[in-house]
Amino acid sequence: MKEVLLVIDVQDAVMENTYQKEEVINRISSLIRNARTNDVPVIYVQHEYPAGPMKRGEPGWELHSLLEKPLEKETIINKTLPNSFADTNLKEVLDKLGMKHLYICGAQTDYCVDSTCRGAFDAHYDVTLVTDAHTTMDNDHLTAKQIIDHTHNTLGNFWSPDSTITLENTEDVFWMKEKIK
């Protein structure tokens, strides 16, 4: 089964007040480096709005400075909705590459990460949500940690004959076990 690493919205404005920001970005960068070493394609997703800090080209729209930057050969998907499949060519890119299994990480857990996991599931991909490589921020009702735990509890129960959502920590992702020492 062909796997891909999908890095969602690790952008300056999105990451500004997120839970365990530096630790999460460091884990994502480690996933990226080791995916490349093991020939696992990496796809970056960047959210954008028509105006404000998330407008394409604005400093807030840029990928976070701590994140491992895309290589020229890697794909960047620009989106305007939480689900990375909605109104983008992500499915076409994945299908052209023959990908069947998505490892998902990034921000924000309760918006774009959750929506993309569900979108991938609905499109009949197998999904692994990398549990310690996505983040969000507190809201009026829940802490970021509670939101993350709730998302794991909810998405970890998704199954159909055509697709699944599983949960794994960074260290358990198969190409992290094969990393060059």
N, C-alpha and C. Protein backbone atom coordinates (compact mmCIF):
# COMPACT_ATOMS: atom_id res chain seq x y z
N MET A 1 0.85 -1.18 0.00
CA MET A 1 0.00 0.00 0.00
C MET A 1 0.89 1.24 0.00
N LYS A 2 0.63 2.16 -0.88
CA LYS A 2 1.46 3.36 -1.00
C LYS A 2 1.01 4.43 -0.02
N GLU A 3 1.98 4.95 0.72
CA GLU A 3 1.72 5.94 1.77
C GLU A 3 2.22 7.31 1.38
N VAL A 4 1.59 8.33 1.99
CA VAL A 4 1.99 9.71 1.81
C VAL A 4 1.85 10.42 3.15
N LEU A 5 2.71 11.39 3.38
CA LEU A 5 2.61 12.24 4.57
C LEU A 5 1.94 13.54 4.15
N LEU A 6 0.82 13.87 4.80
CA LEU A 6 0.08 15.09 4.52
C LEU A 6 0.27 16.05 5.70
N VAL A 7 0.90 17.20 5.43
CA VAL A 7 1.22 18.20 6.45
C VAL A 7 0.25 19.37 6.26
N ILE A 8 -0.64 19.55 7.23
CA ILE A 8 -1.73 20.51 7.08
C ILE A 8 -1.48 21.80 7.87
N ASP A 9 -1.47 22.92 7.17
CA ASP A 9 -1.58 24.27 7.73
C ASP A 9 -0.58 24.62 8.84
N VAL A 10 0.66 24.17 8.72
CA VAL A 10 1.67 24.54 9.71
C VAL A 10 2.23 25.90 9.27
N GLN A 11 1.39 26.91 9.42
CA GLN A 11 1.66 28.27 8.96
C GLN A 11 1.77 29.20 10.16
N ASP A 12 2.46 30.31 9.97
CA ASP A 12 2.72 31.23 11.08
C ASP A 12 1.44 31.66 11.81
N ALA A 13 0.44 32.13 11.10
CA ALA A 13 -0.78 32.62 11.76
C ALA A 13 -1.56 31.51 12.42
N VAL A 14 -1.57 30.33 11.83
CA VAL A 14 -2.30 29.19 12.39
C VAL A 14 -1.63 28.70 13.67
N MET A 15 -0.32 28.66 13.66
CA MET A 15 0.43 28.07 14.78
C MET A 15 0.67 29.04 15.94
N GLU A 16 0.30 30.29 15.79
CA GLU A 16 0.68 31.34 16.72
C GLU A 16 0.47 31.01 18.20
N ASN A 17 -0.69 30.53 18.58
CA ASN A 17 -0.99 30.26 20.00
C ASN A 17 -1.34 28.80 20.27
N THR A 18 -0.79 27.90 19.49
CA THR A 18 -1.17 26.50 19.62
C THR A 18 -0.45 25.79 20.77
N TYR A 19 -1.07 24.72 21.21
CA TYR A 19 -0.59 23.87 22.29
C TYR A 19 0.67 23.14 21.86
N GLN A 20 1.71 23.22 22.67
CA GLN A 20 2.99 22.54 22.43
C GLN A 20 3.53 22.79 21.02
N LYS A 21 3.43 24.03 20.59
CA LYS A 21 3.77 24.42 19.22
C LYS A 21 5.14 23.90 18.77
N GLU A 22 6.18 24.23 19.51
CA GLU A 22 7.53 23.86 19.06
C GLU A 22 7.74 22.36 19.04
N GLU A 23 7.23 21.67 20.06
CA GLU A 23 7.37 20.21 20.09
C GLU A 23 6.66 19.56 18.91
N VAL A 24 5.45 20.03 18.62
CA VAL A 24 4.68 19.47 17.51
C VAL A 24 5.38 19.75 16.18
N ILE A 25 5.82 20.97 15.96
CA ILE A 25 6.51 21.30 14.70
C ILE A 25 7.79 20.48 14.57
N ASN A 26 8.51 20.28 15.65
CA ASN A 26 9.73 19.46 15.59
C ASN A 26 9.40 18.01 15.22
N ARG A 27 8.29 17.48 15.76
CA ARG A 27 7.89 16.11 15.40
C ARG A 27 7.50 16.03 13.93
N ILE A 28 6.76 17.03 13.46
CA ILE A 28 6.35 17.05 12.05
C ILE A 28 7.58 17.13 11.16
N SER A 29 8.53 17.98 11.50
CA SER A 29 9.77 18.09 10.71
C SER A 29 10.53 16.77 10.69
N SER A 30 10.54 16.08 11.81
CA SER A 30 11.19 14.76 11.88
C SER A 30 10.46 13.77 10.97
N LEU A 31 9.13 13.80 11.00
CA LEU A 31 8.35 12.94 10.09
C LEU A 31 8.71 13.24 8.64
N ILE A 32 8.79 14.52 8.30
CA ILE A 32 9.10 14.93 6.93
C ILE A 32 10.49 14.41 6.51
N ARG A 33 11.49 14.66 7.33
CA ARG A 33 12.85 14.24 6.99
C ARG A 33 12.93 12.72 6.80
N ASN A 34 12.31 11.99 7.71
CA ASN A 34 12.37 10.53 7.63
C ASN A 34 11.49 9.98 6.52
N ALA A 35 10.39 10.65 6.20
CA ALA A 35 9.58 10.23 5.05
C ALA A 35 10.42 10.35 3.78
N ARG A 36 11.11 11.46 3.63
CA ARG A 36 11.97 11.65 2.45
C ARG A 36 13.04 10.58 2.36
N THR A 37 13.67 10.28 3.49
CA THR A 37 14.73 9.27 3.52
C THR A 37 14.20 7.91 3.08
N ASN A 38 12.93 7.65 3.38
CA ASN A 38 12.32 6.35 3.06
C ASN A 38 11.40 6.41 1.85
N ASP A 39 11.57 7.44 1.00
CA ASP A 39 10.82 7.58 -0.25
C ASP A 39 9.31 7.62 -0.07
N VAL A 40 8.87 8.19 1.04
CA VAL A 40 7.45 8.42 1.27
C VAL A 40 7.18 9.86 0.83
N PRO A 41 6.30 10.07 -0.16
CA PRO A 41 6.04 11.44 -0.61
C PRO A 41 5.46 12.32 0.50
N VAL A 42 5.78 13.60 0.44
CA VAL A 42 5.28 14.59 1.39
C VAL A 42 4.45 15.60 0.60
N ILE A 43 3.23 15.86 1.09
CA ILE A 43 2.38 16.89 0.50
C ILE A 43 2.07 17.91 1.58
N TYR A 44 2.31 19.17 1.27
CA TYR A 44 2.00 20.27 2.18
C TYR A 44 0.67 20.89 1.79
N VAL A 45 -0.09 21.32 2.79
CA VAL A 45 -1.35 22.02 2.55
C VAL A 45 -1.25 23.38 3.24
N GLN A 46 -1.65 24.42 2.51
CA GLN A 46 -1.65 25.78 3.08
C GLN A 46 -3.03 26.39 2.92
N HIS A 47 -3.57 26.85 4.04
CA HIS A 47 -4.87 27.53 4.03
C HIS A 47 -4.67 28.98 3.64
N GLU A 48 -5.68 29.55 2.99
CA GLU A 48 -5.60 30.97 2.64
C GLU A 48 -6.97 31.61 2.66
N TYR A 49 -6.97 32.90 2.93
CA TYR A 49 -8.16 33.74 2.88
C TYR A 49 -7.91 34.85 1.87
N PRO A 50 -8.98 35.49 1.37
CA PRO A 50 -8.77 36.58 0.41
C PRO A 50 -8.14 37.84 1.01
N ALA A 51 -8.22 37.99 2.34
CA ALA A 51 -7.65 39.18 2.99
C ALA A 51 -7.16 38.79 4.39
N GLY A 52 -6.35 39.64 4.99
CA GLY A 52 -5.88 39.42 6.35
C GLY A 52 -4.58 38.65 6.40
N PRO A 53 -4.22 38.19 7.60
CA PRO A 53 -2.91 37.54 7.77
C PRO A 53 -2.77 36.21 7.03
N MET A 54 -3.89 35.60 6.63
CA MET A 54 -3.83 34.33 5.90
C MET A 54 -3.97 34.52 4.39
N LYS A 55 -3.86 35.75 3.92
CA LYS A 55 -3.86 36.01 2.49
C LYS A 55 -2.55 35.50 1.91
N ARG A 56 -2.62 34.85 0.77
CA ARG A 56 -1.42 34.31 0.13
C ARG A 56 -0.35 35.40 0.01
N GLY A 57 0.85 35.06 0.46
CA GLY A 57 1.97 35.99 0.39
C GLY A 57 2.18 36.81 1.66
N GLU A 58 1.17 36.88 2.51
CA GLU A 58 1.33 37.61 3.78
C GLU A 58 2.18 36.78 4.74
N PRO A 59 2.86 37.43 5.70
CA PRO A 59 3.71 36.69 6.64
C PRO A 59 2.97 35.57 7.40
N GLY A 60 1.72 35.79 7.79
CA GLY A 60 0.97 34.77 8.51
C GLY A 60 0.64 33.55 7.68
N TRP A 61 0.60 33.72 6.37
CA TRP A 61 0.30 32.63 5.45
C TRP A 61 1.49 31.70 5.25
N GLU A 62 2.69 32.21 5.46
CA GLU A 62 3.91 31.44 5.22
C GLU A 62 3.99 30.22 6.13
N LEU A 63 4.67 29.19 5.64
CA LEU A 63 4.94 28.02 6.49
C LEU A 63 5.79 28.47 7.67
N HIS A 64 5.55 27.87 8.82
CA HIS A 64 6.26 28.27 10.04
C HIS A 64 7.77 28.08 9.86
N SER A 65 8.53 29.00 10.41
CA SER A 65 9.99 28.99 10.24
C SER A 65 10.66 27.74 10.82
N LEU A 66 10.05 27.09 11.81
CA LEU A 66 10.63 25.88 12.40
C LEU A 66 10.34 24.63 11.57
N LEU A 67 9.40 24.73 10.63
CA LEU A 67 8.99 23.57 9.84
C LEU A 67 10.00 23.27 8.74
N GLU A 68 10.26 22.00 8.52
CA GLU A 68 11.08 21.56 7.39
C GLU A 68 10.37 22.01 6.11
N LYS A 69 11.05 22.78 5.29
CA LYS A 69 10.45 23.39 4.11
C LYS A 69 10.29 22.39 2.96
N PRO A 70 9.30 22.63 2.09
CA PRO A 70 9.09 21.71 0.96
C PRO A 70 10.27 21.73 -0.01
N LEU A 71 10.55 20.59 -0.56
CA LEU A 71 11.52 20.49 -1.65
C LEU A 71 10.81 20.88 -2.93
N GLU A 72 11.57 21.26 -3.93
CA GLU A 72 10.99 21.70 -5.19
C GLU A 72 10.06 20.65 -5.80
N LYS A 73 10.39 19.36 -5.64
CA LYS A 73 9.60 18.29 -6.24
C LYS A 73 8.32 17.97 -5.45
N GLU A 74 8.19 18.51 -4.25
CA GLU A 74 7.03 18.19 -3.41
C GLU A 74 5.84 19.09 -3.74
N THR A 75 4.67 18.54 -3.54
CA THR A 75 3.42 19.22 -3.89
C THR A 75 2.94 20.09 -2.74
N ILE A 76 2.45 21.28 -3.09
CA ILE A 76 1.78 22.16 -2.13
C ILE A 76 0.35 22.36 -2.62
N ILE A 77 -0.60 22.07 -1.77
CA ILE A 77 -2.02 22.25 -2.08
C ILE A 77 -2.49 23.49 -1.33
N ASN A 78 -3.10 24.42 -2.05
CA ASN A 78 -3.68 25.61 -1.42
C ASN A 78 -5.18 25.38 -1.28
N LYS A 79 -5.71 25.74 -0.12
CA LYS A 79 -7.13 25.50 0.14
C LYS A 79 -7.76 26.71 0.81
N THR A 80 -9.08 26.75 0.73
CA THR A 80 -9.85 27.83 1.36
C THR A 80 -10.91 27.30 2.32
N LEU A 81 -11.03 25.98 2.42
CA LEU A 81 -12.00 25.34 3.31
C LEU A 81 -11.25 24.39 4.24
N PRO A 82 -11.84 24.03 5.38
CA PRO A 82 -11.13 23.15 6.32
C PRO A 82 -10.72 21.79 5.76
N ASN A 83 -11.58 21.15 4.98
CA ASN A 83 -11.27 19.86 4.40
C ASN A 83 -10.32 20.06 3.22
N SER A 84 -9.14 19.49 3.30
CA SER A 84 -8.12 19.66 2.26
C SER A 84 -8.54 19.08 0.91
N PHE A 85 -9.60 18.28 0.89
CA PHE A 85 -10.11 17.72 -0.36
C PHE A 85 -11.13 18.64 -1.03
N ALA A 86 -11.75 19.54 -0.27
CA ALA A 86 -12.83 20.39 -0.79
C ALA A 86 -12.27 21.49 -1.69
N ASP A 87 -12.73 21.50 -2.92
CA ASP A 87 -12.36 22.53 -3.89
C ASP A 87 -10.85 22.59 -4.14
N THR A 88 -10.16 21.46 -4.04
CA THR A 88 -8.73 21.38 -4.37
C THR A 88 -8.50 20.19 -5.29
N ASN A 89 -7.27 20.03 -5.74
CA ASN A 89 -6.92 18.88 -6.58
C ASN A 89 -6.21 17.79 -5.78
N LEU A 90 -6.38 17.78 -4.45
CA LEU A 90 -5.67 16.80 -3.62
C LEU A 90 -5.98 15.37 -4.03
N LYS A 91 -7.23 15.03 -4.22
CA LYS A 91 -7.58 13.65 -4.60
C LYS A 91 -6.91 13.27 -5.92
N GLU A 92 -6.91 14.17 -6.88
CA GLU A 92 -6.27 13.88 -8.17
C GLU A 92 -4.77 13.65 -8.00
N VAL A 93 -4.14 14.48 -7.17
CA VAL A 93 -2.70 14.31 -6.91
C VAL A 93 -2.43 12.96 -6.26
N LEU A 94 -3.21 12.60 -5.25
CA LEU A 94 -3.03 11.32 -4.57
C LEU A 94 -3.26 10.15 -5.51
N ASP A 95 -4.33 10.23 -6.30
CA ASP A 95 -4.64 9.14 -7.22
C ASP A 95 -3.56 9.00 -8.30
N LYS A 96 -3.04 10.11 -8.79
CA LYS A 96 -1.97 10.06 -9.80
C LYS A 96 -0.72 9.39 -9.24
N LEU A 97 -0.44 9.64 -7.96
CA LEU A 97 0.71 9.01 -7.30
C LEU A 97 0.43 7.58 -6.86
N GLY A 98 -0.83 7.16 -6.95
CA GLY A 98 -1.21 5.80 -6.53
C GLY A 98 -1.28 5.63 -5.03
N MET A 99 -1.50 6.71 -4.32
CA MET A 99 -1.52 6.66 -2.85
C MET A 99 -2.83 6.10 -2.35
N LYS A 100 -2.73 5.29 -1.29
CA LYS A 100 -3.91 4.68 -0.67
C LYS A 100 -3.99 4.95 0.82
N HIS A 101 -2.87 5.38 1.42
CA HIS A 101 -2.80 5.55 2.87
C HIS A 101 -2.19 6.90 3.19
N LEU A 102 -2.91 7.71 3.93
CA LEU A 102 -2.46 9.06 4.29
C LEU A 102 -2.08 9.10 5.76
N TYR A 103 -0.88 9.58 6.04
CA TYR A 103 -0.46 9.90 7.40
C TYR A 103 -0.68 11.40 7.55
N ILE A 104 -1.53 11.80 8.49
CA ILE A 104 -1.93 13.20 8.60
C ILE A 104 -1.38 13.81 9.88
N CYS A 105 -0.84 15.04 9.72
CA CYS A 105 -0.34 15.82 10.85
C CYS A 105 -0.58 17.29 10.55
N GLY A 106 -0.43 18.15 11.56
CA GLY A 106 -0.55 19.59 11.30
C GLY A 106 -1.46 20.32 12.27
N ALA A 107 -2.18 21.30 11.75
CA ALA A 107 -3.01 22.17 12.59
C ALA A 107 -4.27 22.56 11.80
N GLN A 108 -5.24 22.96 12.40
CA GLN A 108 -5.65 22.83 13.76
C GLN A 108 -6.47 21.57 13.92
N THR A 109 -6.27 20.87 15.01
CA THR A 109 -6.91 19.59 15.27
C THR A 109 -8.40 19.62 15.01
N ASP A 110 -9.09 20.59 15.60
CA ASP A 110 -10.55 20.61 15.57
C ASP A 110 -11.14 21.23 14.32
N TYR A 111 -10.33 21.68 13.42
CA TYR A 111 -10.81 22.25 12.17
C TYR A 111 -10.25 21.46 10.98
N CYS A 112 -9.13 21.89 10.47
CA CYS A 112 -8.62 21.34 9.22
C CYS A 112 -8.09 19.91 9.34
N VAL A 113 -7.50 19.56 10.47
CA VAL A 113 -7.01 18.19 10.64
C VAL A 113 -8.19 17.23 10.71
N ASP A 114 -9.16 17.51 11.56
CA ASP A 114 -10.35 16.67 11.69
C ASP A 114 -11.09 16.59 10.36
N SER A 115 -11.34 17.73 9.72
CA SER A 115 -12.09 17.75 8.46
C SER A 115 -11.38 16.96 7.37
N THR A 116 -10.07 17.07 7.30
CA THR A 116 -9.33 16.35 6.28
C THR A 116 -9.31 14.86 6.56
N CYS A 117 -9.18 14.46 7.81
CA CYS A 117 -9.27 13.03 8.15
C CYS A 117 -10.60 12.46 7.69
N ARG A 118 -11.68 13.17 7.98
CA ARG A 118 -13.01 12.71 7.59
C ARG A 118 -13.16 12.71 6.07
N GLY A 119 -12.64 13.75 5.41
CA GLY A 119 -12.70 13.81 3.95
C GLY A 119 -11.94 12.66 3.30
N ALA A 120 -10.78 12.34 3.83
CA ALA A 120 -9.99 11.22 3.30
C ALA A 120 -10.71 9.90 3.51
N PHE A 121 -11.28 9.73 4.69
CA PHE A 121 -12.06 8.52 4.99
C PHE A 121 -13.22 8.39 4.01
N ASP A 122 -13.96 9.49 3.80
CA ASP A 122 -15.10 9.47 2.88
C ASP A 122 -14.68 9.21 1.44
N ALA A 123 -13.44 9.56 1.10
CA ALA A 123 -12.92 9.32 -0.24
C ALA A 123 -12.27 7.93 -0.35
N HIS A 124 -12.42 7.11 0.69
CA HIS A 124 -11.96 5.72 0.72
C HIS A 124 -10.45 5.55 0.81
N TYR A 125 -9.79 6.49 1.49
CA TYR A 125 -8.38 6.32 1.82
C TYR A 125 -8.28 5.78 3.23
N ASP A 126 -7.23 5.01 3.48
CA ASP A 126 -6.89 4.67 4.86
C ASP A 126 -6.12 5.84 5.42
N VAL A 127 -6.40 6.18 6.67
CA VAL A 127 -5.80 7.34 7.31
C VAL A 127 -5.14 6.91 8.61
N THR A 128 -3.95 7.44 8.84
CA THR A 128 -3.33 7.36 10.16
C THR A 128 -3.16 8.80 10.63
N LEU A 129 -3.84 9.13 11.72
CA LEU A 129 -3.65 10.43 12.35
C LEU A 129 -2.48 10.29 13.31
N VAL A 130 -1.44 11.07 13.08
CA VAL A 130 -0.25 11.00 13.94
C VAL A 130 -0.56 11.80 15.20
N THR A 131 -0.81 11.09 16.29
CA THR A 131 -1.44 11.66 17.48
C THR A 131 -0.63 12.74 18.18
N ASP A 132 0.68 12.70 18.10
CA ASP A 132 1.49 13.71 18.78
C ASP A 132 2.09 14.71 17.79
N ALA A 133 1.53 14.75 16.57
CA ALA A 133 2.04 15.65 15.54
C ALA A 133 0.92 16.52 14.95
N HIS A 134 -0.06 16.84 15.77
CA HIS A 134 -1.07 17.83 15.39
C HIS A 134 -1.44 18.61 16.63
N THR A 135 -1.97 19.81 16.43
CA THR A 135 -2.21 20.69 17.57
C THR A 135 -3.35 21.66 17.28
N THR A 136 -3.77 22.32 18.34
CA THR A 136 -4.79 23.35 18.26
C THR A 136 -4.59 24.30 19.44
N MET A 137 -5.57 25.13 19.70
CA MET A 137 -5.49 26.03 20.85
C MET A 137 -6.75 25.90 21.69
N ASP A 138 -6.68 26.39 22.91
CA ASP A 138 -7.85 26.38 23.80
C ASP A 138 -8.98 27.17 23.15
N ASN A 139 -10.23 26.78 23.47
CA ASN A 139 -11.36 27.60 23.06
C ASN A 139 -12.16 27.97 24.32
N ASP A 140 -13.33 28.53 24.17
CA ASP A 140 -14.11 28.97 25.33
C ASP A 140 -14.61 27.83 26.20
N HIS A 141 -14.62 26.61 25.67
CA HIS A 141 -15.21 25.48 26.38
C HIS A 141 -14.23 24.38 26.77
N LEU A 142 -13.15 24.24 26.00
CA LEU A 142 -12.22 23.13 26.20
C LEU A 142 -10.78 23.59 26.06
N THR A 143 -9.89 22.90 26.76
CA THR A 143 -8.47 23.15 26.55
C THR A 143 -8.04 22.46 25.26
N ALA A 144 -6.91 22.87 24.74
CA ALA A 144 -6.37 22.23 23.53
C ALA A 144 -6.18 20.74 23.76
N LYS A 145 -5.68 20.38 24.92
CA LYS A 145 -5.47 18.95 25.24
C LYS A 145 -6.78 18.18 25.23
N GLN A 146 -7.85 18.78 25.76
CA GLN A 146 -9.16 18.13 25.74
C GLN A 146 -9.68 17.98 24.31
N ILE A 147 -9.47 18.99 23.49
CA ILE A 147 -9.90 18.92 22.09
C ILE A 147 -9.15 17.81 21.36
N ILE A 148 -7.85 17.74 21.58
CA ILE A 148 -7.03 16.70 20.94
C ILE A 148 -7.48 15.32 21.40
N ASP A 149 -7.67 15.14 22.70
CA ASP A 149 -8.12 13.84 23.23
C ASP A 149 -9.49 13.46 22.66
N HIS A 150 -10.40 14.42 22.60
CA HIS A 150 -11.73 14.16 22.05
C HIS A 150 -11.63 13.75 20.57
N THR A 151 -10.79 14.43 19.83
CA THR A 151 -10.62 14.11 18.41
C THR A 151 -10.07 12.69 18.25
N HIS A 152 -9.11 12.32 19.06
CA HIS A 152 -8.57 10.95 19.01
C HIS A 152 -9.67 9.93 19.32
N ASN A 153 -10.45 10.22 20.35
CA ASN A 153 -11.52 9.31 20.75
C ASN A 153 -12.55 9.16 19.63
N THR A 154 -12.88 10.24 18.97
CA THR A 154 -13.88 10.21 17.90
C THR A 154 -13.33 9.56 16.64
N LEU A 155 -12.22 10.07 16.13
CA LEU A 155 -11.70 9.57 14.86
C LEU A 155 -11.13 8.16 14.97
N GLY A 156 -10.68 7.78 16.14
CA GLY A 156 -10.13 6.44 16.33
C GLY A 156 -11.16 5.34 16.19
N ASN A 157 -12.43 5.71 16.11
CA ASN A 157 -13.50 4.73 15.96
C ASN A 157 -14.04 4.63 14.53
N PHE A 158 -13.41 5.29 13.58
CA PHE A 158 -13.88 5.27 12.20
C PHE A 158 -13.41 4.00 11.51
N TRP A 159 -14.35 3.31 10.88
CA TRP A 159 -14.03 2.10 10.13
C TRP A 159 -15.12 1.87 9.11
N SER A 160 -14.74 1.41 7.95
CA SER A 160 -15.69 0.92 6.95
C SER A 160 -14.97 -0.19 6.18
N PRO A 161 -15.68 -0.93 5.36
CA PRO A 161 -15.00 -1.96 4.56
C PRO A 161 -13.98 -1.36 3.58
N ASP A 162 -14.14 -0.06 3.25
CA ASP A 162 -13.27 0.57 2.26
C ASP A 162 -12.18 1.45 2.83
N SER A 163 -12.29 1.86 4.10
CA SER A 163 -11.30 2.77 4.67
C SER A 163 -11.33 2.72 6.19
N THR A 164 -10.24 3.21 6.78
CA THR A 164 -10.13 3.24 8.23
C THR A 164 -9.43 4.52 8.65
N ILE A 165 -9.60 4.87 9.91
CA ILE A 165 -8.76 5.89 10.53
C ILE A 165 -8.14 5.22 11.75
N THR A 166 -6.80 5.20 11.78
CA THR A 166 -6.08 4.66 12.91
C THR A 166 -5.26 5.77 13.55
N LEU A 167 -4.80 5.52 14.76
CA LEU A 167 -4.03 6.50 15.52
C LEU A 167 -2.66 5.91 15.82
N GLU A 168 -1.60 6.69 15.59
CA GLU A 168 -0.24 6.27 15.92
C GLU A 168 0.57 7.48 16.38
N ASN A 169 1.45 7.26 17.35
CA ASN A 169 2.42 8.29 17.72
C ASN A 169 3.52 8.35 16.67
N THR A 170 4.23 9.45 16.65
CA THR A 170 5.32 9.65 15.68
C THR A 170 6.28 8.46 15.69
N GLU A 171 6.71 8.03 16.86
CA GLU A 171 7.72 6.96 16.94
C GLU A 171 7.21 5.63 16.40
N ASP A 172 5.89 5.47 16.27
CA ASP A 172 5.34 4.21 15.77
C ASP A 172 5.06 4.21 14.27
N VAL A 173 5.21 5.36 13.62
CA VAL A 173 5.03 5.42 12.17
C VAL A 173 6.14 4.59 11.54
N PHE A 174 5.78 3.74 10.57
CA PHE A 174 6.71 2.74 10.09
C PHE A 174 8.02 3.31 9.59
N TRP A 175 8.02 4.44 8.90
CA TRP A 175 9.29 4.95 8.37
C TRP A 175 10.14 5.60 9.45
N MET A 176 9.56 5.91 10.59
CA MET A 176 10.35 6.43 11.71
C MET A 176 11.15 5.29 12.34
N LYS A 177 10.62 4.09 12.28
CA LYS A 177 11.34 2.92 12.81
C LYS A 177 12.51 2.53 11.91
N GLU A 178 12.41 2.94 10.63
CA GLU A 178 13.45 2.58 9.66
C GLU A 178 14.44 3.71 9.44
N LYS A 179 14.35 4.75 10.25
CA LYS A 179 15.19 5.92 10.00
C LYS A 179 16.68 5.60 10.09
N ILE A 180 17.42 6.37 9.35
CA ILE A 180 18.89 6.21 9.35
C ILE A 180 19.44 6.81 10.63
N LYS A 181 20.31 6.08 11.28
CA LYS A 181 20.87 6.56 12.55
C LYS A 181 22.15 7.29 12.33
